[in-house]
Amino acid sequence: MTAAWSLADIPDQTGRTIVVTGTTVGGLGHHTALELARRGARVVLAGRTASRLAETDDAIRAEVSKADLAHLVVDLSDLGSVRRAAAEAGAFGPIDVLVNNAGVMGTPYQRTGDGLELQMATNHFGPFLLTGLLMPQLVASTGARVVGLSSNMHKLARSAPLGDPLHQQGRYSRWPTYGRSKLANLLFTYELDRRARRAAVPVKALAAHPGFAGTHLAANGQYGRARGGRATILDAAIKAVSQSAAAGAWPTLMAATADLPGSTYCGPGGLGELSGAPRVVTSTRLSYDEAAQRKLWEISEEVTGVRYP
């Protein structure tokens, strides 16, 4: 598919169950869930707190009164939380699409309760575990797909994150670490898709990036909040020069619903892939390194304890 894609290209989603992580009001996940609900999907809103999920539920129902929504509380930075959430998700039956949208950006150095650096834990290891635990439900849909949310910032990564994840190698730098976590999303996507094909598992893996979208992610990462003092200034500055969060969700929606092969990467079609109608794009050479993909997979299995069927 090379022609410009638009929301009008989303087919009817009635009868499909789609899990979207990171659905805070105003963010990419919220807008992804909204458009899928608008087209009839049962959308499972997955996020860290019940109160935030309720806010997103209300926001979606304000536009789609008959939206079919369910909630799943999960903190992707906490592997125990991911395991509990995956167990609860068994009640949803077959899952047609899993959108691994949730993430953090540019956070100060912090280790999680599992001993992992926060950005890698939230952006990669949590989604790796969740995807693995939900794989039986994805397989049961007989035509599922997993969509990983990467970023243009993956291009900053000069190496794949293949060191010991329980120990910091060198001085911590938030932005290169973020870039490596976004590279990890692509390494995971391509390896998952290849493994599924080899094993004749009916699941495709695709990835997307939002370009430069006006979300609260940067302010939350820098200051732990989107409002107040410098956070308000940064948030406003980003929104002044970026495309909307709604537009930023378009590549994800394309990856989730368009007739595309596995390992496809979708992003904005404008200059520098910063904005514009989504299209199929390419990632860096490093992201296609099969040895790095396999090594990260092995590390991820060891950290999470999950083995994919």
C-alpha atoms as a PDB file:
ATOM      1  CA  MET A   1       0.000   0.000   0.000  1.00  0.00           C
ATOM      2  CA  THR A   2       1.593   3.284  -1.114  1.00  0.00           C
ATOM      3  CA  ALA A   3      -1.411   5.603  -1.565  1.00  0.00           C
ATOM      4  CA  ALA A   4      -2.343   8.034   1.196  1.00  0.00           C
ATOM      5  CA  TRP A   5      -4.413   6.424   3.922  1.00  0.00           C
ATOM      6  CA  SER A   6      -7.243   8.143   5.817  1.00  0.00           C
ATOM      7  CA  LEU A   7      -9.703   7.365   8.594  1.00  0.00           C
ATOM      8  CA  ALA A   8     -12.302   6.619   5.924  1.00  0.00           C
ATOM      9  CA  ASP A   9     -10.246   3.528   5.033  1.00  0.00           C
ATOM     10  CA  ILE A  10     -10.884   1.861   8.413  1.00  0.00           C
ATOM     11  CA  PRO A  11     -13.241  -1.050   7.739  1.00  0.00           C
ATOM     12  CA  ASP A  12     -16.116  -1.980   9.995  1.00  0.00           C
ATOM     13  CA  GLN A  13     -14.739  -3.427  13.251  1.00  0.00           C
ATOM     14  CA  THR A  14     -17.949  -4.957  14.582  1.00  0.00           C
ATOM     15  CA  GLY A  15     -17.308  -8.262  16.320  1.00  0.00           C
ATOM     16  CA  ARG A  16     -13.614  -7.590  16.860  1.00  0.00           C
ATOM     17  CA  THR A  17     -11.918  -7.233  20.252  1.00  0.00           C
ATOM     18  CA  ILE A  18      -9.018  -4.779  20.370  1.00  0.00           C
ATOM     19  CA  VAL A  19      -6.802  -4.080  23.380  1.00  0.00           C
ATOM     20  CA  VAL A  20      -5.178  -0.630  23.485  1.00  0.00           C
ATOM     21  CA  THR A  21      -2.663   0.194  26.217  1.00  0.00           C
ATOM     22  CA  GLY A  22      -1.970   3.718  27.436  1.00  0.00           C
ATOM     23  CA  THR A  23      -5.334   5.373  26.831  1.00  0.00           C
ATOM     24  CA  THR A  24      -5.052   8.560  28.902  1.00  0.00           C
ATOM     25  CA  VAL A  25      -7.454  11.265  27.685  1.00  0.00           C
ATOM     26  CA  GLY A  26      -5.886  13.389  24.963  1.00  0.00           C
ATOM     27  CA  GLY A  27      -3.134  10.933  24.116  1.00  0.00           C
ATOM     28  CA  LEU A  28      -2.484   8.683  21.144  1.00  0.00           C
ATOM     29  CA  GLY A  29      -4.110   5.680  22.804  1.00  0.00           C
ATOM     30  CA  HIS A  30      -7.294   7.613  23.542  1.00  0.00           C
ATOM     31  CA  HIS A  31      -7.656   8.654  19.908  1.00  0.00           C
ATOM     32  CA  THR A  32      -6.789   5.164  18.688  1.00  0.00           C
ATOM     33  CA  ALA A  33      -9.454   3.650  20.936  1.00  0.00           C
ATOM     34  CA  LEU A  34     -11.986   6.303  19.964  1.00  0.00           C
ATOM     35  CA  GLU A  35     -11.792   5.623  16.230  1.00  0.00           C
ATOM     36  CA  LEU A  36     -11.895   1.857  16.718  1.00  0.00           C
ATOM     37  CA  ALA A  37     -14.944   2.170  18.997  1.00  0.00           C
ATOM     38  CA  ARG A  38     -16.561   4.486  16.458  1.00  0.00           C
ATOM     39  CA  ARG A  39     -16.343   1.653  13.943  1.00  0.00           C
ATOM     40  CA  GLY A  40     -17.908  -0.944  16.208  1.00  0.00           C
ATOM     41  CA  ALA A  41     -15.005  -2.718  17.876  1.00  0.00           C
ATOM     42  CA  ARG A  42     -15.134  -3.863  21.458  1.00  0.00           C
ATOM     43  CA  VAL A  43     -12.190  -1.854  22.790  1.00  0.00           C
ATOM     44  CA  VAL A  44     -10.388  -2.854  25.957  1.00  0.00           C
ATOM     45  CA  LEU A  45      -8.938   0.295  27.511  1.00  0.00           C
ATOM     46  CA  ALA A  46      -5.752  -0.689  29.349  1.00  0.00           C
ATOM     47  CA  GLY A  47      -4.034   1.727  31.720  1.00  0.00           C
ATOM     48  CA  ARG A  48      -2.450   2.176  35.111  1.00  0.00           C
ATOM     49  CA  THR A  49      -5.433   3.323  37.162  1.00  0.00           C
ATOM     50  CA  ALA A  50      -9.154   2.668  37.201  1.00  0.00           C
ATOM     51  CA  SER A  51      -9.865   6.392  37.531  1.00  0.00           C
ATOM     52  CA  ARG A  52      -7.948   7.252  34.358  1.00  0.00           C
ATOM     53  CA  LEU A  53      -9.698   4.480  32.468  1.00  0.00           C
ATOM     54  CA  ALA A  54     -13.055   5.859  33.623  1.00  0.00           C
ATOM     55  CA  GLU A  55     -12.103   9.315  32.331  1.00  0.00           C
ATOM     56  CA  THR A  56     -11.241   7.911  28.913  1.00  0.00           C
ATOM     57  CA  ASP A  57     -14.404   5.835  28.894  1.00  0.00           C
ATOM     58  CA  ASP A  58     -16.463   8.983  29.521  1.00  0.00           C
ATOM     59  CA  ALA A  59     -14.587  10.919  26.825  1.00  0.00           C
ATOM     60  CA  ILE A  60     -15.184   8.213  24.220  1.00  0.00           C
ATOM     61  CA  ARG A  61     -18.848   7.776  25.119  1.00  0.00           C
ATOM     62  CA  ALA A  62     -19.327  11.525  24.761  1.00  0.00           C
ATOM     63  CA  GLU A  63     -18.608  11.005  21.046  1.00  0.00           C
ATOM     64  CA  VAL A  64     -19.754   7.397  20.581  1.00  0.00           C
ATOM     65  CA  SER A  65     -22.703   6.892  22.914  1.00  0.00           C
ATOM     66  CA  LYS A  66     -23.025   3.171  22.210  1.00  0.00           C
ATOM     67  CA  ALA A  67     -19.310   2.415  22.406  1.00  0.00           C
ATOM     68  CA  ASP A  68     -18.499  -1.136  23.509  1.00  0.00           C
ATOM     69  CA  LEU A  69     -15.732  -0.601  26.077  1.00  0.00           C
ATOM     70  CA  ALA A  70     -14.032  -2.703  28.719  1.00  0.00           C
ATOM     71  CA  HIS A  71     -11.295  -1.833  31.213  1.00  0.00           C
ATOM     72  CA  LEU A  72      -8.022  -3.506  32.160  1.00  0.00           C
ATOM     73  CA  VAL A  73      -5.814  -2.034  34.885  1.00  0.00           C
ATOM     74  CA  VAL A  74      -2.141  -2.657  34.116  1.00  0.00           C
ATOM     75  CA  ASP A  75       1.139  -0.906  34.917  1.00  0.00           C
ATOM     76  CA  LEU A  76       3.542  -1.995  32.185  1.00  0.00           C
ATOM     77  CA  SER A  77       6.563  -0.972  34.262  1.00  0.00           C
ATOM     78  CA  ASP A  78       5.624  -3.645  36.825  1.00  0.00           C
ATOM     79  CA  LEU A  79       5.946  -7.223  35.573  1.00  0.00           C
ATOM     80  CA  GLY A  80       3.728  -8.491  38.383  1.00  0.00           C
ATOM     81  CA  SER A  81       0.999  -6.072  37.331  1.00  0.00           C
ATOM     82  CA  VAL A  82       1.323  -7.289  33.737  1.00  0.00           C
ATOM     83  CA  ARG A  83       0.904 -10.904  34.834  1.00  0.00           C
ATOM     84  CA  ARG A  84      -2.179 -10.082  36.889  1.00  0.00           C
ATOM     85  CA  ALA A  85      -3.709  -8.074  34.048  1.00  0.00           C
ATOM     86  CA  ALA A  86      -3.062 -10.823  31.517  1.00  0.00           C
ATOM     87  CA  ALA A  87      -4.838 -13.299  33.774  1.00  0.00           C
ATOM     88  CA  GLU A  88      -7.841 -10.976  34.017  1.00  0.00           C
ATOM     89  CA  ALA A  89      -7.787 -10.462  30.245  1.00  0.00           C
ATOM     90  CA  GLY A  90      -8.663 -14.122  29.786  1.00  0.00           C
ATOM     91  CA  ALA A  91     -12.284 -13.080  30.290  1.00  0.00           C
ATOM     92  CA  PHE A  92     -12.237 -11.166  26.995  1.00  0.00           C
ATOM     93  CA  GLY A  93     -11.889 -14.299  24.858  1.00  0.00           C
ATOM     94  CA  PRO A  94     -10.114 -14.145  21.479  1.00  0.00           C
ATOM     95  CA  ILE A  95      -8.229 -10.868  20.865  1.00  0.00           C
ATOM     96  CA  ASP A  96      -8.043  -9.596  17.302  1.00  0.00           C
ATOM     97  CA  VAL A  97      -5.604  -6.728  17.797  1.00  0.00           C
ATOM     98  CA  LEU A  98      -3.214  -5.761  20.596  1.00  0.00           C
ATOM     99  CA  VAL A  99      -1.972  -2.179  20.334  1.00  0.00           C
ATOM    100  CA  ASN A 100       1.100  -1.737  22.542  1.00  0.00           C
ATOM    101  CA  ASN A 101       0.741   2.041  22.711  1.00  0.00           C
ATOM    102  CA  ALA A 102       1.677   2.850  26.318  1.00  0.00           C
ATOM    103  CA  GLY A 103       5.082   4.311  27.033  1.00  0.00           C
ATOM    104  CA  VAL A 104       7.168   6.844  28.890  1.00  0.00           C
ATOM    105  CA  MET A 105       9.635   9.335  27.445  1.00  0.00           C
ATOM    106  CA  GLY A 106      12.807  10.932  28.724  1.00  0.00           C
ATOM    107  CA  THR A 107      12.335  10.060  32.375  1.00  0.00           C
ATOM    108  CA  PRO A 108      14.983  10.655  35.059  1.00  0.00           C
ATOM    109  CA  TYR A 109      17.016   7.603  36.038  1.00  0.00           C
ATOM    110  CA  GLN A 110      14.895   5.153  37.957  1.00  0.00           C
ATOM    111  CA  ARG A 111      14.873   1.417  38.582  1.00  0.00           C
ATOM    112  CA  THR A 112      11.582  -0.431  38.871  1.00  0.00           C
ATOM    113  CA  GLY A 113      10.732  -2.973  41.540  1.00  0.00           C
ATOM    114  CA  ASP A 114      11.942  -5.633  39.082  1.00  0.00           C
ATOM    115  CA  GLY A 115      15.349  -3.929  38.870  1.00  0.00           C
ATOM    116  CA  LEU A 116      14.830  -2.630  35.332  1.00  0.00           C
ATOM    117  CA  GLU A 117      15.458   0.880  34.041  1.00  0.00           C
ATOM    118  CA  LEU A 118      12.061   2.580  33.864  1.00  0.00           C
ATOM    119  CA  GLN A 119      11.973   3.450  30.144  1.00  0.00           C
ATOM    120  CA  MET A 120      13.058  -0.002  28.995  1.00  0.00           C
ATOM    121  CA  ALA A 121      10.693  -1.638  31.502  1.00  0.00           C
ATOM    122  CA  THR A 122       7.655   0.347  30.386  1.00  0.00           C
ATOM    123  CA  ASN A 123       8.381   0.621  26.688  1.00  0.00           C
ATOM    124  CA  HIS A 124       9.747  -2.847  25.990  1.00  0.00           C
ATOM    125  CA  PHE A 125       9.817  -5.505  28.704  1.00  0.00           C
ATOM    126  CA  GLY A 126       6.239  -4.896  29.894  1.00  0.00           C
ATOM    127  CA  PRO A 127       4.797  -5.055  26.366  1.00  0.00           C
ATOM    128  CA  PHE A 128       6.939  -8.114  25.568  1.00  0.00           C
ATOM    129  CA  LEU A 129       5.496  -9.922  28.582  1.00  0.00           C
ATOM    130  CA  LEU A 130       1.930  -8.785  27.935  1.00  0.00           C
ATOM    131  CA  THR A 131       2.070  -9.861  24.294  1.00  0.00           C
ATOM    132  CA  GLY A 132       3.459 -13.258  25.220  1.00  0.00           C
ATOM    133  CA  LEU A 133       0.831 -13.880  27.880  1.00  0.00           C
ATOM    134  CA  LEU A 134      -1.990 -12.810  25.538  1.00  0.00           C
ATOM    135  CA  MET A 135      -0.649 -14.863  22.635  1.00  0.00           C
ATOM    136  CA  PRO A 136      -3.095 -17.767  23.141  1.00  0.00           C
ATOM    137  CA  GLN A 137      -5.995 -15.304  22.853  1.00  0.00           C
ATOM    138  CA  LEU A 138      -4.429 -13.689  19.798  1.00  0.00           C
ATOM    139  CA  VAL A 139      -3.942 -17.082  18.161  1.00  0.00           C
ATOM    140  CA  ALA A 140      -7.567 -17.954  18.961  1.00  0.00           C
ATOM    141  CA  SER A 141      -8.779 -15.096  16.752  1.00  0.00           C
ATOM    142  CA  THR A 142      -7.141 -16.873  13.753  1.00  0.00           C
ATOM    143  CA  GLY A 143      -6.004 -13.637  12.156  1.00  0.00           C
ATOM    144  CA  ALA A 144      -4.714 -11.294  14.840  1.00  0.00           C
ATOM    145  CA  ARG A 145      -2.109  -8.615  14.746  1.00  0.00           C
ATOM    146  CA  VAL A 146       0.145  -6.944  17.296  1.00  0.00           C
ATOM    147  CA  VAL A 147       0.977  -3.279  16.743  1.00  0.00           C
ATOM    148  CA  GLY A 148       3.994  -1.775  18.460  1.00  0.00           C
ATOM    149  CA  LEU A 149       4.393   1.974  18.828  1.00  0.00           C
ATOM    150  CA  SER A 150       7.892   3.142  18.006  1.00  0.00           C
ATOM    151  CA  SER A 151       9.190   6.665  17.340  1.00  0.00           C
ATOM    152  CA  ASN A 152      11.403   8.646  15.011  1.00  0.00           C
ATOM    153  CA  MET A 153      13.654   8.816  18.059  1.00  0.00           C
ATOM    154  CA  HIS A 154      14.707   5.213  17.406  1.00  0.00           C
ATOM    155  CA  LYS A 155      17.059   6.760  14.865  1.00  0.00           C
ATOM    156  CA  LEU A 156      19.110   8.194  17.752  1.00  0.00           C
ATOM    157  CA  ALA A 157      20.083   4.709  18.904  1.00  0.00           C
ATOM    158  CA  ARG A 158      23.654   3.869  17.943  1.00  0.00           C
ATOM    159  CA  SER A 159      23.395   0.366  19.354  1.00  0.00           C
ATOM    160  CA  ALA A 160      20.708  -2.073  20.390  1.00  0.00           C
ATOM    161  CA  PRO A 161      19.929  -2.447  24.126  1.00  0.00           C
ATOM    162  CA  LEU A 162      21.638  -5.823  24.483  1.00  0.00           C
ATOM    163  CA  GLY A 163      23.517  -5.373  27.750  1.00  0.00           C
ATOM    164  CA  ASP A 164      22.496  -6.707  31.161  1.00  0.00           C
ATOM    165  CA  PRO A 165      19.139  -4.951  31.781  1.00  0.00           C
ATOM    166  CA  LEU A 166      19.594  -5.221  35.548  1.00  0.00           C
ATOM    167  CA  HIS A 167      22.773  -3.129  35.551  1.00  0.00           C
ATOM    168  CA  GLN A 168      23.453   0.326  34.140  1.00  0.00           C
ATOM    169  CA  GLN A 169      26.198   0.397  31.516  1.00  0.00           C
ATOM    170  CA  GLY A 170      27.951   3.731  31.744  1.00  0.00           C
ATOM    171  CA  ARG A 171      26.320   7.020  32.597  1.00  0.00           C
ATOM    172  CA  TYR A 172      22.545   7.192  32.209  1.00  0.00           C
ATOM    173  CA  SER A 173      21.297   9.581  29.549  1.00  0.00           C
ATOM    174  CA  ARG A 174      17.544   9.841  29.216  1.00  0.00           C
ATOM    175  CA  TRP A 175      17.208  10.569  25.506  1.00  0.00           C
ATOM    176  CA  PRO A 176      19.599   7.940  24.118  1.00  0.00           C
ATOM    177  CA  THR A 177      17.922   5.464  26.481  1.00  0.00           C
ATOM    178  CA  TYR A 178      14.520   6.463  25.118  1.00  0.00           C
ATOM    179  CA  GLY A 179      15.829   6.004  21.573  1.00  0.00           C
ATOM    180  CA  ARG A 180      17.074   2.508  22.399  1.00  0.00           C
ATOM    181  CA  SER A 181      13.711   1.612  23.927  1.00  0.00           C
ATOM    182  CA  LYS A 182      11.999   2.693  20.712  1.00  0.00           C
ATOM    183  CA  LEU A 183      14.524   0.700  18.682  1.00  0.00           C
ATOM    184  CA  ALA A 184      13.635  -2.241  20.923  1.00  0.00           C
ATOM    185  CA  ASN A 185       9.990  -1.879  19.840  1.00  0.00           C
ATOM    186  CA  LEU A 186      11.037  -2.431  16.221  1.00  0.00           C
ATOM    187  CA  LEU A 187      13.477  -5.250  16.959  1.00  0.00           C
ATOM    188  CA  PHE A 188      10.680  -6.986  18.888  1.00  0.00           C
ATOM    189  CA  THR A 189       8.102  -6.403  16.141  1.00  0.00           C
ATOM    190  CA  TYR A 190      10.264  -7.798  13.354  1.00  0.00           C
ATOM    191  CA  GLU A 191      11.412 -10.800  15.400  1.00  0.00           C
ATOM    192  CA  LEU A 192       7.870 -11.585  16.551  1.00  0.00           C
ATOM    193  CA  ASP A 193       6.563 -11.462  13.000  1.00  0.00           C
ATOM    194  CA  ARG A 194       9.334 -13.690  11.679  1.00  0.00           C
ATOM    195  CA  ARG A 195       8.879 -16.250  14.470  1.00  0.00           C
ATOM    196  CA  ALA A 196       5.128 -16.326  13.919  1.00  0.00           C
ATOM    197  CA  ARG A 197       5.582 -16.982  10.197  1.00  0.00           C
ATOM    198  CA  ARG A 198       8.108 -19.749  10.788  1.00  0.00           C
ATOM    199  CA  ALA A 199       5.841 -21.422  13.338  1.00  0.00           C
ATOM    200  CA  ALA A 200       2.739 -20.944  11.133  1.00  0.00           C
ATOM    201  CA  VAL A 201       1.104 -18.985  13.957  1.00  0.00           C
ATOM    202  CA  PRO A 202      -1.788 -16.835  12.634  1.00  0.00           C
ATOM    203  CA  VAL A 203      -0.542 -13.571  14.142  1.00  0.00           C
ATOM    204  CA  LYS A 204       1.097 -10.655  12.331  1.00  0.00           C
ATOM    205  CA  ALA A 205       3.260  -8.004  13.980  1.00  0.00           C
ATOM    206  CA  LEU A 206       3.430  -4.445  12.653  1.00  0.00           C
ATOM    207  CA  ALA A 207       4.727  -1.152  13.998  1.00  0.00           C
ATOM    208  CA  ALA A 208       3.886   2.533  13.741  1.00  0.00           C
ATOM    209  CA  HIS A 209       5.186   5.889  14.824  1.00  0.00           C
ATOM    210  CA  PRO A 210       3.201   9.107  15.341  1.00  0.00           C
ATOM    211  CA  GLY A 211       5.649  11.627  13.948  1.00  0.00           C
ATOM    212  CA  PHE A 212       5.732  14.796  16.044  1.00  0.00           C
ATOM    213  CA  ALA A 213       2.431  14.651  17.885  1.00  0.00           C
ATOM    214  CA  GLY A 214       1.112  17.039  20.508  1.00  0.00           C
ATOM    215  CA  THR A 215       0.767  14.719  23.491  1.00  0.00           C
ATOM    216  CA  HIS A 216       1.651  15.084  27.167  1.00  0.00           C
ATOM    217  CA  LEU A 217       4.366  12.444  26.919  1.00  0.00           C
ATOM    218  CA  ALA A 218       7.402  14.729  26.976  1.00  0.00           C
ATOM    219  CA  ALA A 219       6.145  16.873  29.855  1.00  0.00           C
ATOM    220  CA  ASN A 220       5.175  13.801  31.839  1.00  0.00           C
ATOM    221  CA  GLY A 221       8.597  12.314  31.265  1.00  0.00           C
ATOM    222  CA  GLN A 222      10.506  15.425  32.223  1.00  0.00           C
ATOM    223  CA  TYR A 223       8.451  16.602  35.172  1.00  0.00           C
ATOM    224  CA  GLY A 224       6.137  13.746  36.101  1.00  0.00           C
ATOM    225  CA  ARG A 225       3.119  15.844  35.183  1.00  0.00           C
ATOM    226  CA  ALA A 226       1.576  17.644  32.194  1.00  0.00           C
ATOM    227  CA  ARG A 227       0.474  20.771  34.038  1.00  0.00           C
ATOM    228  CA  GLY A 228       2.054  23.259  36.401  1.00  0.00           C
ATOM    229  CA  GLY A 229       5.121  25.490  36.016  1.00  0.00           C
ATOM    230  CA  ARG A 230       7.671  24.326  33.469  1.00  0.00           C
ATOM    231  CA  ALA A 231       5.541  21.313  32.535  1.00  0.00           C
ATOM    232  CA  THR A 232       2.780  23.617  31.286  1.00  0.00           C
ATOM    233  CA  ILE A 233       5.296  25.647  29.270  1.00  0.00           C
ATOM    234  CA  LEU A 234       6.856  22.575  27.663  1.00  0.00           C
ATOM    235  CA  ASP A 235       3.473  21.015  26.931  1.00  0.00           C
ATOM    236  CA  ALA A 236       2.213  24.203  25.266  1.00  0.00           C
ATOM    237  CA  ALA A 237       5.413  24.628  23.245  1.00  0.00           C
ATOM    238  CA  ILE A 238       5.175  21.104  21.842  1.00  0.00           C
ATOM    239  CA  LYS A 239       1.525  21.473  20.907  1.00  0.00           C
ATOM    240  CA  ALA A 240       2.246  24.775  19.161  1.00  0.00           C
ATOM    241  CA  VAL A 241       4.621  23.178  16.661  1.00  0.00           C
ATOM    242  CA  SER A 242       3.275  19.654  16.306  1.00  0.00           C
ATOM    243  CA  GLN A 243       0.347  17.894  14.693  1.00  0.00           C
ATOM    244  CA  SER A 244      -2.554  16.913  16.902  1.00  0.00           C
ATOM    245  CA  ALA A 245      -2.604  13.751  18.977  1.00  0.00           C
ATOM    246  CA  ALA A 246      -5.588  12.648  16.896  1.00  0.00           C
ATOM    247  CA  ALA A 247      -3.476  12.851  13.730  1.00  0.00           C
ATOM    248  CA  GLY A 248      -0.591  11.180  15.536  1.00  0.00           C
ATOM    249  CA  ALA A 249      -2.829   8.147  16.054  1.00  0.00           C
ATOM    250  CA  TRP A 250      -3.456   7.687  12.334  1.00  0.00           C
ATOM    251  CA  PRO A 251      -0.349   5.542  11.626  1.00  0.00           C
ATOM    252  CA  THR A 252      -1.326   3.244  14.507  1.00  0.00           C
ATOM    253  CA  LEU A 253      -4.848   2.935  13.139  1.00  0.00           C
ATOM    254  CA  MET A 254      -3.454   2.171   9.702  1.00  0.00           C
ATOM    255  CA  ALA A 255      -1.197  -0.542  11.124  1.00  0.00           C
ATOM    256  CA  ALA A 256      -4.087  -1.975  13.142  1.00  0.00           C
ATOM    257  CA  THR A 257      -6.682  -2.124  10.373  1.00  0.00           C
ATOM    258  CA  ALA A 258      -5.222  -1.833   6.855  1.00  0.00           C
ATOM    259  CA  ASP A 259      -4.558  -4.831   4.624  1.00  0.00           C
ATOM    260  CA  LEU A 260      -0.812  -4.940   5.193  1.00  0.00           C
ATOM    261  CA  PRO A 261       1.784  -7.702   5.550  1.00  0.00           C
ATOM    262  CA  GLY A 262       3.551  -8.380   8.805  1.00  0.00           C
ATOM    263  CA  SER A 263       6.678  -6.364   9.669  1.00  0.00           C
ATOM    264  CA  THR A 264       5.157  -3.264   8.024  1.00  0.00           C
ATOM    265  CA  TYR A 265       6.102   0.063   9.635  1.00  0.00           C
ATOM    266  CA  CYS A 266       3.630   2.965   9.286  1.00  0.00           C
ATOM    267  CA  GLY A 267       4.337   6.641   9.856  1.00  0.00           C
ATOM    268  CA  PRO A 268       3.355  10.134   8.694  1.00  0.00           C
ATOM    269  CA  GLY A 269       3.981  10.825   5.032  1.00  0.00           C
ATOM    270  CA  GLY A 270       5.060  14.452   5.348  1.00  0.00           C
ATOM    271  CA  LEU A 271       8.531  15.999   5.402  1.00  0.00           C
ATOM    272  CA  GLY A 272      10.776  14.136   7.799  1.00  0.00           C
ATOM    273  CA  GLU A 273       7.849  11.893   8.739  1.00  0.00           C
ATOM    274  CA  LEU A 274       6.834  14.533  11.274  1.00  0.00           C
ATOM    275  CA  SER A 275       3.219  14.928  10.175  1.00  0.00           C
ATOM    276  CA  GLY A 276       0.776  14.177   7.407  1.00  0.00           C
ATOM    277  CA  ALA A 277      -1.326  11.295   6.150  1.00  0.00           C
ATOM    278  CA  PRO A 278       0.209   7.941   7.099  1.00  0.00           C
ATOM    279  CA  ARG A 279       2.005   5.611   4.731  1.00  0.00           C
ATOM    280  CA  VAL A 280       4.399   2.694   4.827  1.00  0.00           C
ATOM    281  CA  VAL A 281       7.843   3.890   5.946  1.00  0.00           C
ATOM    282  CA  THR A 282      11.204   2.295   6.731  1.00  0.00           C
ATOM    283  CA  SER A 283      13.221   2.141   9.928  1.00  0.00           C
ATOM    284  CA  THR A 284      16.979   2.224  10.447  1.00  0.00           C
ATOM    285  CA  ARG A 285      19.323  -0.497   9.255  1.00  0.00           C
ATOM    286  CA  LEU A 286      20.038  -1.430  12.865  1.00  0.00           C
ATOM    287  CA  SER A 287      16.358  -2.250  13.452  1.00  0.00           C
ATOM    288  CA  TYR A 288      16.551  -4.928  10.733  1.00  0.00           C
ATOM    289  CA  ASP A 289      19.609  -6.634  12.274  1.00  0.00           C
ATOM    290  CA  GLU A 290      18.376 -10.197  12.811  1.00  0.00           C
ATOM    291  CA  ALA A 291      21.172 -11.051  15.239  1.00  0.00           C
ATOM    292  CA  ALA A 292      20.190  -8.079  17.424  1.00  0.00           C
ATOM    293  CA  GLN A 293      16.524  -9.056  17.160  1.00  0.00           C
ATOM    294  CA  ARG A 294      17.259 -12.600  18.330  1.00  0.00           C
ATOM    295  CA  LYS A 295      19.534 -11.475  21.158  1.00  0.00           C
ATOM    296  CA  LEU A 296      17.013  -8.962  22.500  1.00  0.00           C
ATOM    297  CA  TRP A 297      14.329 -11.660  22.329  1.00  0.00           C
ATOM    298  CA  GLU A 298      16.490 -14.024  24.377  1.00  0.00           C
ATOM    299  CA  ILE A 299      17.217 -11.311  26.954  1.00  0.00           C
ATOM    300  CA  SER A 300      13.536 -10.450  27.133  1.00  0.00           C
ATOM    301  CA  GLU A 301      12.522 -14.069  27.696  1.00  0.00           C
ATOM    302  CA  GLU A 302      15.044 -14.348  30.513  1.00  0.00           C
ATOM    303  CA  VAL A 303      13.879 -11.112  32.181  1.00  0.00           C
ATOM    304  CA  THR A 304      10.145 -11.793  31.902  1.00  0.00           C
ATOM    305  CA  GLY A 305      10.058 -15.578  32.124  1.00  0.00           C
ATOM    306  CA  VAL A 306       7.577 -15.786  29.261  1.00  0.00           C
ATOM    307  CA  ARG A 307       7.946 -18.211  26.350  1.00  0.00           C
ATOM    308  CA  TYR A 308       5.873 -17.673  23.251  1.00  0.00           C
ATOM    309  CA  PRO A 309       4.013 -20.635  21.700  1.00  0.00           C
END
